[in-house]
Amino acid sequence: MCNWVLQNNQESPFCLFVYLKLSYPSGKIQWIHQDKEYASFFLKKCSKTITNNFNKLIALGWLYYDEEFEYYRLVSIDTLRDERDWTQRRAAPFTYKDVTHIRAALGAILYTQLYKSYCRKHFKKRKSNVLKSESASESFTFSCDVKRFAEISVNSIESIFGLSINKASRIKNLAAKENLLEVQKQYFELTQEQVYAAKKGAKYRGENQNIIFKNGKHYLQLTDKIYSDLYFKKRKKLETL
């Protein structure tokens, strides 16, 4: 669901959806003036914006009016998964704090998916070998305490999730700003000859020139390293015919 929200630029209505889920656990909402004012105050949005996003939720089918009981009902996550065929079972818990910076939270969730895939591929085998060693318990404790950084490029986000490079970069920076991701920049110092060659090569390949000038020197900006301690839960498997 989170991936779909980013891919379809539905962050604003999704923000309201999460707020309503947290504020009305029963899924039943009268949506009187007081409810709108509370939402407007907490989300720091004007009443008109809240109303527009509420109507978008109805249009998306995430919310509907129950005429029999005369209140609104929030559609359950599992119902939406079934209707949209969102088969992925990974789920990230949201809090009120996440609602206040929803794009950062969504960015952290997106990058953490690739981060965990990278860790499974590159670090799992190493841990398995450690467990077989004579000092397994001590070594394993040490390995868990060490932060494992993964190289995740904005190009991979574009390729896998279909987001623009600008958006991939923007949500990564927002997540880092809110301390939801730890980002390490990587640079390689270039000589004047290498600067010329790098620029020509990037132009020939139709790529951006990731060259920066800092403290009187030129550097090639490499792929950022990412660390995330965000955890995922597993939702139930969708029933199939």
C-alpha atoms as a PDB file:
ATOM      1  CA  MET A   1       0.000   0.000   0.000  1.00  0.00           C
ATOM      2  CA  CYS A   2       2.803   2.414   0.915  1.00  0.00           C
ATOM      3  CA  ASN A   3       4.546   1.751  -2.391  1.00  0.00           C
ATOM      4  CA  TRP A   4       1.304   2.385  -4.282  1.00  0.00           C
ATOM      5  CA  VAL A   5       0.777   5.668  -2.429  1.00  0.00           C
ATOM      6  CA  LEU A   6       4.195   6.974  -3.476  1.00  0.00           C
ATOM      7  CA  GLN A   7       3.849   5.696  -7.030  1.00  0.00           C
ATOM      8  CA  ASN A   8       0.485   7.433  -7.446  1.00  0.00           C
ATOM      9  CA  ASN A   9       1.240  10.658  -5.518  1.00  0.00           C
ATOM     10  CA  GLN A  10      -1.460  10.020  -2.927  1.00  0.00           C
ATOM     11  CA  GLU A  11       0.558  11.011   0.144  1.00  0.00           C
ATOM     12  CA  SER A  12      -1.898  13.677   1.340  1.00  0.00           C
ATOM     13  CA  PRO A  13      -5.062  11.525   1.428  1.00  0.00           C
ATOM     14  CA  PHE A  14      -2.991   8.643   2.824  1.00  0.00           C
ATOM     15  CA  CYS A  15      -1.823  10.915   5.637  1.00  0.00           C
ATOM     16  CA  LEU A  16      -5.437  11.616   6.579  1.00  0.00           C
ATOM     17  CA  PHE A  17      -6.261   7.903   6.250  1.00  0.00           C
ATOM     18  CA  VAL A  18      -3.542   6.949   8.747  1.00  0.00           C
ATOM     19  CA  TYR A  19      -4.648   9.717  11.118  1.00  0.00           C
ATOM     20  CA  LEU A  20      -8.239   8.464  10.984  1.00  0.00           C
ATOM     21  CA  LYS A  21      -7.116   4.860  11.528  1.00  0.00           C
ATOM     22  CA  LEU A  22      -5.221   5.900  14.648  1.00  0.00           C
ATOM     23  CA  SER A  23      -7.937   8.222  15.955  1.00  0.00           C
ATOM     24  CA  TYR A  24     -10.927   5.947  15.267  1.00  0.00           C
ATOM     25  CA  PRO A  25      -9.819   2.332  15.920  1.00  0.00           C
ATOM     26  CA  SER A  26     -13.392   1.074  15.429  1.00  0.00           C
ATOM     27  CA  GLY A  27     -13.344   2.424  11.882  1.00  0.00           C
ATOM     28  CA  LYS A  28     -16.555   4.409  12.511  1.00  0.00           C
ATOM     29  CA  ILE A  29     -16.516   8.185  12.021  1.00  0.00           C
ATOM     30  CA  GLN A  30     -19.371  10.671  12.361  1.00  0.00           C
ATOM     31  CA  TRP A  31     -17.255  13.394  10.709  1.00  0.00           C
ATOM     32  CA  ILE A  32     -18.951  16.310  12.353  1.00  0.00           C
ATOM     33  CA  HIS A  33     -17.424  19.790  12.648  1.00  0.00           C
ATOM     34  CA  GLN A  34     -15.419  18.837  15.738  1.00  0.00           C
ATOM     35  CA  ASP A  35     -13.794  15.866  13.957  1.00  0.00           C
ATOM     36  CA  LYS A  36     -12.729  18.096  11.079  1.00  0.00           C
ATOM     37  CA  GLU A  37     -11.295  20.712  13.439  1.00  0.00           C
ATOM     38  CA  TYR A  38      -9.262  18.111  15.338  1.00  0.00           C
ATOM     39  CA  ALA A  39      -7.860  16.727  12.072  1.00  0.00           C
ATOM     40  CA  SER A  40      -7.082  20.223  10.800  1.00  0.00           C
ATOM     41  CA  PHE A  41      -5.267  21.151  14.012  1.00  0.00           C
ATOM     42  CA  PHE A  42      -3.214  17.950  14.279  1.00  0.00           C
ATOM     43  CA  LEU A  43      -2.246  17.706  10.610  1.00  0.00           C
ATOM     44  CA  LYS A  44      -1.628  21.466  10.359  1.00  0.00           C
ATOM     45  CA  LYS A  45      -3.836  21.726   7.281  1.00  0.00           C
ATOM     46  CA  CYS A  46      -6.684  24.107   6.573  1.00  0.00           C
ATOM     47  CA  SER A  47     -10.235  22.803   6.804  1.00  0.00           C
ATOM     48  CA  LYS A  48     -10.652  22.933   3.019  1.00  0.00           C
ATOM     49  CA  THR A  49      -7.600  20.687   2.482  1.00  0.00           C
ATOM     50  CA  ILE A  50      -8.872  18.205   5.063  1.00  0.00           C
ATOM     51  CA  THR A  51     -12.267  18.089   3.349  1.00  0.00           C
ATOM     52  CA  ASN A  52     -10.666  17.597  -0.071  1.00  0.00           C
ATOM     53  CA  ASN A  53      -8.530  14.721   1.194  1.00  0.00           C
ATOM     54  CA  PHE A  54     -11.550  13.190   2.939  1.00  0.00           C
ATOM     55  CA  ASN A  55     -13.425  13.242  -0.375  1.00  0.00           C
ATOM     56  CA  LYS A  56     -10.392  11.705  -2.106  1.00  0.00           C
ATOM     57  CA  LEU A  57     -10.509   8.817   0.359  1.00  0.00           C
ATOM     58  CA  ILE A  58     -14.125   8.212  -0.631  1.00  0.00           C
ATOM     59  CA  ALA A  59     -13.175   8.346  -4.323  1.00  0.00           C
ATOM     60  CA  LEU A  60     -10.333   5.881  -3.687  1.00  0.00           C
ATOM     61  CA  GLY A  61     -12.745   3.500  -1.977  1.00  0.00           C
ATOM     62  CA  TRP A  62     -10.883   3.627   1.335  1.00  0.00           C
ATOM     63  CA  LEU A  63     -13.832   5.224   3.096  1.00  0.00           C
ATOM     64  CA  TYR A  64     -17.589   5.040   2.577  1.00  0.00           C
ATOM     65  CA  TYR A  65     -20.808   6.312   4.098  1.00  0.00           C
ATOM     66  CA  ASP A  66     -23.002   3.767   5.875  1.00  0.00           C
ATOM     67  CA  GLU A  67     -26.526   5.045   5.237  1.00  0.00           C
ATOM     68  CA  GLU A  68     -28.129   2.540   7.591  1.00  0.00           C
ATOM     69  CA  PHE A  69     -26.205   3.721  10.658  1.00  0.00           C
ATOM     70  CA  GLU A  70     -25.453   7.242   9.358  1.00  0.00           C
ATOM     71  CA  TYR A  71     -21.705   7.356   9.835  1.00  0.00           C
ATOM     72  CA  TYR A  72     -18.580   6.825   7.764  1.00  0.00           C
ATOM     73  CA  ARG A  73     -16.624   3.585   7.794  1.00  0.00           C
ATOM     74  CA  LEU A  74     -12.921   3.136   7.159  1.00  0.00           C
ATOM     75  CA  VAL A  75     -12.179   0.136   4.977  1.00  0.00           C
ATOM     76  CA  SER A  76      -9.827  -2.364   6.626  1.00  0.00           C
ATOM     77  CA  ILE A  77      -6.274  -2.771   5.343  1.00  0.00           C
ATOM     78  CA  ASP A  78      -6.812  -6.452   4.541  1.00  0.00           C
ATOM     79  CA  THR A  79      -9.945  -5.641   2.528  1.00  0.00           C
ATOM     80  CA  LEU A  80      -7.979  -3.076   0.517  1.00  0.00           C
ATOM     81  CA  ARG A  81      -5.173  -5.583   0.000  1.00  0.00           C
ATOM     82  CA  ASP A  82      -7.653  -8.124  -1.309  1.00  0.00           C
ATOM     83  CA  GLU A  83      -9.416  -5.635  -3.603  1.00  0.00           C
ATOM     84  CA  ARG A  84      -6.182  -4.163  -4.987  1.00  0.00           C
ATOM     85  CA  ASP A  85      -4.293  -7.447  -5.059  1.00  0.00           C
ATOM     86  CA  TRP A  86      -1.584  -6.042  -2.795  1.00  0.00           C
ATOM     87  CA  THR A  87      -0.059  -9.431  -2.057  1.00  0.00           C
ATOM     88  CA  GLN A  88       3.060  -8.164  -0.288  1.00  0.00           C
ATOM     89  CA  ARG A  89       2.799  -9.116   3.379  1.00  0.00           C
ATOM     90  CA  ARG A  90       5.375  -6.730   4.838  1.00  0.00           C
ATOM     91  CA  ALA A  91       3.733  -4.107   7.028  1.00  0.00           C
ATOM     92  CA  ALA A  92       5.204  -1.131   8.869  1.00  0.00           C
ATOM     93  CA  PRO A  93       3.511   0.216  12.013  1.00  0.00           C
ATOM     94  CA  PHE A  94       2.515   3.898  11.979  1.00  0.00           C
ATOM     95  CA  THR A  95       2.277   6.274  14.935  1.00  0.00           C
ATOM     96  CA  TYR A  96       0.954   9.808  15.314  1.00  0.00           C
ATOM     97  CA  LYS A  97       4.544  11.027  14.996  1.00  0.00           C
ATOM     98  CA  ASP A  98       4.793   9.411  11.554  1.00  0.00           C
ATOM     99  CA  VAL A  99       1.639  11.209  10.457  1.00  0.00           C
ATOM    100  CA  THR A 100       3.302  14.584  11.004  1.00  0.00           C
ATOM    101  CA  HIS A 101       6.012  13.719   8.446  1.00  0.00           C
ATOM    102  CA  ILE A 102       4.278  11.172   6.248  1.00  0.00           C
ATOM    103  CA  ARG A 103       6.565  11.543   3.219  1.00  0.00           C
ATOM    104  CA  ALA A 104       9.627  10.891   5.351  1.00  0.00           C
ATOM    105  CA  ALA A 105       7.967   7.802   6.852  1.00  0.00           C
ATOM    106  CA  LEU A 106       6.988   6.491   3.423  1.00  0.00           C
ATOM    107  CA  GLY A 107      10.501   7.158   2.139  1.00  0.00           C
ATOM    108  CA  ALA A 108      12.009   5.191   5.020  1.00  0.00           C
ATOM    109  CA  ILE A 109       9.659   2.274   4.334  1.00  0.00           C
ATOM    110  CA  LEU A 110      10.527   2.244   0.643  1.00  0.00           C
ATOM    111  CA  TYR A 111      14.293   2.344   1.159  1.00  0.00           C
ATOM    112  CA  THR A 112      14.151  -0.182   4.004  1.00  0.00           C
ATOM    113  CA  GLN A 113      12.663  -2.760   1.645  1.00  0.00           C
ATOM    114  CA  LEU A 114      15.765  -2.616  -0.555  1.00  0.00           C
ATOM    115  CA  TYR A 115      18.002  -2.299   2.498  1.00  0.00           C
ATOM    116  CA  LYS A 116      16.696  -5.552   3.951  1.00  0.00           C
ATOM    117  CA  SER A 117      17.010  -7.306   0.598  1.00  0.00           C
ATOM    118  CA  TYR A 118      20.630  -6.140   0.356  1.00  0.00           C
ATOM    119  CA  CYS A 119      21.377  -7.351   3.890  1.00  0.00           C
ATOM    120  CA  ARG A 120      19.838 -10.770   3.265  1.00  0.00           C
ATOM    121  CA  LYS A 121      21.964 -11.166   0.160  1.00  0.00           C
ATOM    122  CA  HIS A 122      25.294  -9.864   1.466  1.00  0.00           C
ATOM    123  CA  PHE A 123      25.281 -10.437   5.239  1.00  0.00           C
ATOM    124  CA  LYS A 124      23.179 -13.568   5.888  1.00  0.00           C
ATOM    125  CA  LYS A 125      25.857 -15.989   4.697  1.00  0.00           C
ATOM    126  CA  ARG A 126      28.471 -14.264   6.834  1.00  0.00           C
ATOM    127  CA  LYS A 127      26.293 -14.594   9.945  1.00  0.00           C
ATOM    128  CA  SER A 128      25.656 -18.260   9.175  1.00  0.00           C
ATOM    129  CA  ASN A 129      29.397 -18.910   9.046  1.00  0.00           C
ATOM    130  CA  VAL A 130      29.885 -17.088  12.328  1.00  0.00           C
ATOM    131  CA  LEU A 131      27.312 -19.285  14.053  1.00  0.00           C
ATOM    132  CA  LYS A 132      29.262 -22.381  13.025  1.00  0.00           C
ATOM    133  CA  SER A 133      32.489 -21.102  14.557  1.00  0.00           C
ATOM    134  CA  GLU A 134      33.797 -22.076  17.995  1.00  0.00           C
ATOM    135  CA  SER A 135      33.073 -18.651  19.490  1.00  0.00           C
ATOM    136  CA  ALA A 136      29.617 -18.427  17.979  1.00  0.00           C
ATOM    137  CA  SER A 137      27.802 -16.669  20.823  1.00  0.00           C
ATOM    138  CA  GLU A 138      30.378 -13.887  21.257  1.00  0.00           C
ATOM    139  CA  SER A 139      30.861 -13.292  17.543  1.00  0.00           C
ATOM    140  CA  PHE A 140      27.131 -13.222  16.855  1.00  0.00           C
ATOM    141  CA  THR A 141      26.571 -10.640  19.593  1.00  0.00           C
ATOM    142  CA  PHE A 142      29.295  -8.481  18.088  1.00  0.00           C
ATOM    143  CA  SER A 143      27.938  -8.805  14.548  1.00  0.00           C
ATOM    144  CA  CYS A 144      24.460  -7.706  15.644  1.00  0.00           C
ATOM    145  CA  ASP A 145      25.880  -4.580  17.279  1.00  0.00           C
ATOM    146  CA  VAL A 146      27.666  -3.455  14.128  1.00  0.00           C
ATOM    147  CA  LYS A 147      25.700  -1.232  11.773  1.00  0.00           C
ATOM    148  CA  ARG A 148      25.494  -2.692   8.299  1.00  0.00           C
ATOM    149  CA  PHE A 149      25.261  -0.081   5.561  1.00  0.00           C
ATOM    150  CA  ALA A 150      23.910  -0.902   2.111  1.00  0.00           C
ATOM    151  CA  GLU A 151      24.558   0.908  -1.151  1.00  0.00           C
ATOM    152  CA  ILE A 152      21.150   1.858  -2.553  1.00  0.00           C
ATOM    153  CA  SER A 153      21.015   4.186  -5.527  1.00  0.00           C
ATOM    154  CA  VAL A 154      18.170   6.432  -6.616  1.00  0.00           C
ATOM    155  CA  ASN A 155      18.440   4.698  -9.990  1.00  0.00           C
ATOM    156  CA  SER A 156      17.463   1.395  -8.375  1.00  0.00           C
ATOM    157  CA  ILE A 157      14.456   3.093  -6.754  1.00  0.00           C
ATOM    158  CA  GLU A 158      13.453   4.426 -10.168  1.00  0.00           C
ATOM    159  CA  SER A 159      13.907   1.023 -11.816  1.00  0.00           C
ATOM    160  CA  ILE A 160      12.139  -1.106  -9.177  1.00  0.00           C
ATOM    161  CA  PHE A 161       9.376   1.192  -7.927  1.00  0.00           C
ATOM    162  CA  GLY A 162       8.893   3.517 -10.891  1.00  0.00           C
ATOM    163  CA  LEU A 163       9.548   6.744  -8.969  1.00  0.00           C
ATOM    164  CA  SER A 164      11.377   9.633 -10.567  1.00  0.00           C
ATOM    165  CA  ILE A 165      14.991  10.134  -9.506  1.00  0.00           C
ATOM    166  CA  ASN A 166      14.069  13.538  -8.051  1.00  0.00           C
ATOM    167  CA  LYS A 167      11.338  12.028  -5.898  1.00  0.00           C
ATOM    168  CA  ALA A 168      13.561   9.118  -4.838  1.00  0.00           C
ATOM    169  CA  SER A 169      16.214  11.605  -3.717  1.00  0.00           C
ATOM    170  CA  ARG A 170      13.679  13.880  -2.021  1.00  0.00           C
ATOM    171  CA  ILE A 171      12.037  11.190   0.140  1.00  0.00           C
ATOM    172  CA  LYS A 172      15.454   9.792   1.108  1.00  0.00           C
ATOM    173  CA  ASN A 173      16.568  13.223   2.321  1.00  0.00           C
ATOM    174  CA  LEU A 174      13.308  13.711   4.229  1.00  0.00           C
ATOM    175  CA  ALA A 175      13.688  10.319   5.922  1.00  0.00           C
ATOM    176  CA  ALA A 176      17.274  11.150   6.877  1.00  0.00           C
ATOM    177  CA  LYS A 177      16.219  14.551   8.234  1.00  0.00           C
ATOM    178  CA  GLU A 178      13.695  12.856  10.543  1.00  0.00           C
ATOM    179  CA  ASN A 179      16.319  10.269  11.598  1.00  0.00           C
ATOM    180  CA  LEU A 180      14.333   7.429  10.051  1.00  0.00           C
ATOM    181  CA  LEU A 181      17.278   6.526   7.815  1.00  0.00           C
ATOM    182  CA  GLU A 182      21.000   7.033   8.256  1.00  0.00           C
ATOM    183  CA  VAL A 183      22.657   8.153   5.035  1.00  0.00           C
ATOM    184  CA  GLN A 184      26.395   8.145   4.406  1.00  0.00           C
ATOM    185  CA  LYS A 185      27.658  10.133   1.437  1.00  0.00           C
ATOM    186  CA  GLN A 186      30.503   8.653  -0.589  1.00  0.00           C
ATOM    187  CA  TYR A 187      32.976  10.697  -2.634  1.00  0.00           C
ATOM    188  CA  PHE A 188      36.012   9.890  -4.750  1.00  0.00           C
ATOM    189  CA  GLU A 189      38.623  12.617  -5.299  1.00  0.00           C
ATOM    190  CA  LEU A 190      39.382  13.345  -8.957  1.00  0.00           C
ATOM    191  CA  THR A 191      42.382  14.790 -10.748  1.00  0.00           C
ATOM    192  CA  GLN A 192      41.830  17.394 -13.485  1.00  0.00           C
ATOM    193  CA  GLU A 193      42.265  14.718 -16.150  1.00  0.00           C
ATOM    194  CA  GLN A 194      39.748  12.455 -14.407  1.00  0.00           C
ATOM    195  CA  VAL A 195      37.250  15.321 -14.135  1.00  0.00           C
ATOM    196  CA  TYR A 196      37.360  15.843 -17.893  1.00  0.00           C
ATOM    197  CA  ALA A 197      37.050  12.104 -18.591  1.00  0.00           C
ATOM    198  CA  ALA A 198      34.183  11.704 -16.100  1.00  0.00           C
ATOM    199  CA  LYS A 199      32.223  14.583 -17.640  1.00  0.00           C
ATOM    200  CA  LYS A 200      32.722  13.294 -21.178  1.00  0.00           C
ATOM    201  CA  GLY A 201      31.752   9.774 -20.127  1.00  0.00           C
ATOM    202  CA  ALA A 202      28.585  10.934 -18.357  1.00  0.00           C
ATOM    203  CA  LYS A 203      27.589  13.049 -21.366  1.00  0.00           C
ATOM    204  CA  TYR A 204      28.188  10.130 -23.738  1.00  0.00           C
ATOM    205  CA  ARG A 205      26.039   7.803 -21.596  1.00  0.00           C
ATOM    206  CA  GLY A 206      23.323  10.433 -21.125  1.00  0.00           C
ATOM    207  CA  GLU A 207      23.783  10.415 -17.349  1.00  0.00           C
ATOM    208  CA  ASN A 208      23.903  13.204 -14.785  1.00  0.00           C
ATOM    209  CA  GLN A 209      27.377  14.493 -14.000  1.00  0.00           C
ATOM    210  CA  ASN A 210      27.733  13.568 -10.324  1.00  0.00           C
ATOM    211  CA  ILE A 211      30.792  15.763  -9.870  1.00  0.00           C
ATOM    212  CA  ILE A 212      31.001  18.286  -7.046  1.00  0.00           C
ATOM    213  CA  PHE A 213      33.578  20.958  -6.211  1.00  0.00           C
ATOM    214  CA  LYS A 214      34.426  21.176  -2.524  1.00  0.00           C
ATOM    215  CA  ASN A 215      37.306  22.871  -0.679  1.00  0.00           C
ATOM    216  CA  GLY A 216      39.186  23.484  -3.915  1.00  0.00           C
ATOM    217  CA  LYS A 217      38.942  19.879  -5.125  1.00  0.00           C
ATOM    218  CA  HIS A 218      36.706  17.909  -7.474  1.00  0.00           C
ATOM    219  CA  TYR A 219      34.930  14.782  -6.272  1.00  0.00           C
ATOM    220  CA  LEU A 220      32.831  12.139  -7.954  1.00  0.00           C
ATOM    221  CA  GLN A 221      29.711  11.524  -5.887  1.00  0.00           C
ATOM    222  CA  LEU A 222      29.186   7.780  -5.508  1.00  0.00           C
ATOM    223  CA  THR A 223      26.102   5.828  -4.438  1.00  0.00           C
ATOM    224  CA  ASP A 224      24.898   6.712  -0.936  1.00  0.00           C
ATOM    225  CA  LYS A 225      25.108   4.101   1.798  1.00  0.00           C
ATOM    226  CA  ILE A 226      21.914   3.536   3.776  1.00  0.00           C
ATOM    227  CA  TYR A 227      21.257   2.140   7.246  1.00  0.00           C
ATOM    228  CA  SER A 228      17.776   1.441   8.616  1.00  0.00           C
ATOM    229  CA  ASP A 229      16.595  -0.160  11.845  1.00  0.00           C
ATOM    230  CA  LEU A 230      12.944   0.006  10.808  1.00  0.00           C
ATOM    231  CA  TYR A 231      11.186  -3.308  11.365  1.00  0.00           C
ATOM    232  CA  PHE A 232       8.368  -4.875   9.390  1.00  0.00           C
ATOM    233  CA  LYS A 233       5.538  -7.081  10.575  1.00  0.00           C
ATOM    234  CA  LYS A 234       3.890  -9.744   8.462  1.00  0.00           C
ATOM    235  CA  ARG A 235       0.203  -9.537   7.652  1.00  0.00           C
ATOM    236  CA  LYS A 236      -1.856 -12.595   6.881  1.00  0.00           C
ATOM    237  CA  LYS A 237      -1.561 -14.171   3.473  1.00  0.00           C
ATOM    238  CA  LEU A 238      -4.325 -13.271   1.013  1.00  0.00           C
ATOM    239  CA  GLU A 239      -6.720 -16.094   0.269  1.00  0.00           C
ATOM    240  CA  THR A 240      -6.605 -17.470  -3.262  1.00  0.00           C
ATOM    241  CA  LEU A 241      -9.160 -19.509  -5.194  1.00  0.00           C
END
